[in-house]
């Protein structure tokens, strides 16, 4: 029997997934003085968060730098 795959839900904004945290308006991101590397990490994390419905995202940091991003996706069987 073939596994039934549910259609993806509509994409949610990252803001909706981070309730209870202080929000930075999009036009204030420039004031954060991020390096290109930091911007790339945030962009990758954002892309992962928009893709996941259930799961975990882990940032592995060494010497103050993100060296690895791990993603585990969960599937609810109901």
Protein backbone atom coordinates (compact mmCIF):
# COMPACT_ATOMS: atom_id res chain seq x y z
CA UNK A 1 0.00 0.00 0.00
CA UNK A 2 1.42 3.41 -0.98
CA UNK A 3 2.04 6.00 1.72
CA UNK A 4 -0.43 8.86 1.60
CA UNK A 5 1.25 12.25 1.64
CA UNK A 6 -0.80 15.21 2.82
CA UNK A 7 -0.64 18.39 0.72
CA UNK A 8 1.48 21.18 2.16
CA UNK A 9 -0.30 23.80 4.19
CA UNK A 10 -0.11 27.42 3.11
CA UNK A 11 3.17 29.06 4.11
CA UNK A 12 3.21 30.90 7.38
CA UNK A 13 5.29 33.94 8.09
CA UNK A 14 8.25 33.57 10.41
CA UNK A 15 6.68 36.14 12.72
CA UNK A 16 3.70 33.87 13.32
CA UNK A 17 6.06 31.11 14.40
CA UNK A 18 7.93 33.23 16.93
CA UNK A 19 5.19 34.52 19.19
CA UNK A 20 6.34 36.00 22.44
CA UNK A 21 9.63 37.29 21.07
CA UNK A 22 10.52 40.88 20.38
CA UNK A 23 9.93 41.68 16.73
CA UNK A 24 12.27 43.82 14.69
CA UNK A 25 10.57 45.70 11.85
CA UNK A 26 11.92 44.73 8.43
CA UNK A 27 13.26 48.22 7.84
CA UNK A 28 15.26 48.02 11.11
CA UNK A 29 17.23 44.94 10.00
CA UNK A 30 19.87 47.23 8.51
CA UNK A 31 20.46 48.72 11.96
CA UNK A 32 21.49 45.30 13.30
CA UNK A 33 24.85 45.61 11.53
CA UNK A 34 24.98 41.95 10.40
CA UNK A 35 27.79 40.49 8.34
CA UNK A 36 27.05 38.85 4.99
CA UNK A 37 27.68 35.48 6.65
CA UNK A 38 25.15 36.23 9.41
CA UNK A 39 22.58 37.35 6.84
CA UNK A 40 23.10 34.09 4.91
CA UNK A 41 22.53 32.04 8.09
CA UNK A 42 19.34 33.96 8.90
CA UNK A 43 18.09 33.54 5.33
CA UNK A 44 18.70 29.78 5.47
CA UNK A 45 16.97 29.47 8.86
CA UNK A 46 14.04 31.50 7.53
CA UNK A 47 13.71 29.21 4.50
CA UNK A 48 13.73 26.15 6.77
CA UNK A 49 11.10 27.62 9.13
CA UNK A 50 8.77 28.39 6.22
CA UNK A 51 9.11 24.80 4.99
CA UNK A 52 8.47 22.98 8.29
CA UNK A 53 5.04 22.27 9.73
CA UNK A 54 6.41 20.23 12.64
CA UNK A 55 10.04 19.61 13.56
CA UNK A 56 13.22 21.06 14.98
CA UNK A 57 15.98 23.35 13.78
CA UNK A 58 19.35 23.19 15.53
CA UNK A 59 22.21 25.64 15.03
CA UNK A 60 25.65 24.23 15.82
CA UNK A 61 28.03 27.02 16.89
CA UNK A 62 31.81 26.91 17.25
CA UNK A 63 33.90 29.92 18.22
CA UNK A 64 30.87 32.18 17.93
CA UNK A 65 30.07 31.13 14.34
CA UNK A 66 27.27 28.92 13.04
CA UNK A 67 29.04 25.96 11.44
CA UNK A 68 26.05 23.69 10.85
CA UNK A 69 22.27 23.85 10.60
CA UNK A 70 20.33 20.66 11.35
CA UNK A 71 16.69 20.16 10.47
CA UNK A 72 14.42 17.32 11.52
CA UNK A 73 10.96 17.21 10.01
CA UNK A 74 8.15 15.41 11.83
CA UNK A 75 5.08 13.94 10.17
CA UNK A 76 1.87 13.65 12.16
CA UNK A 77 0.01 10.41 11.50
CA UNK A 78 -3.64 10.95 12.39
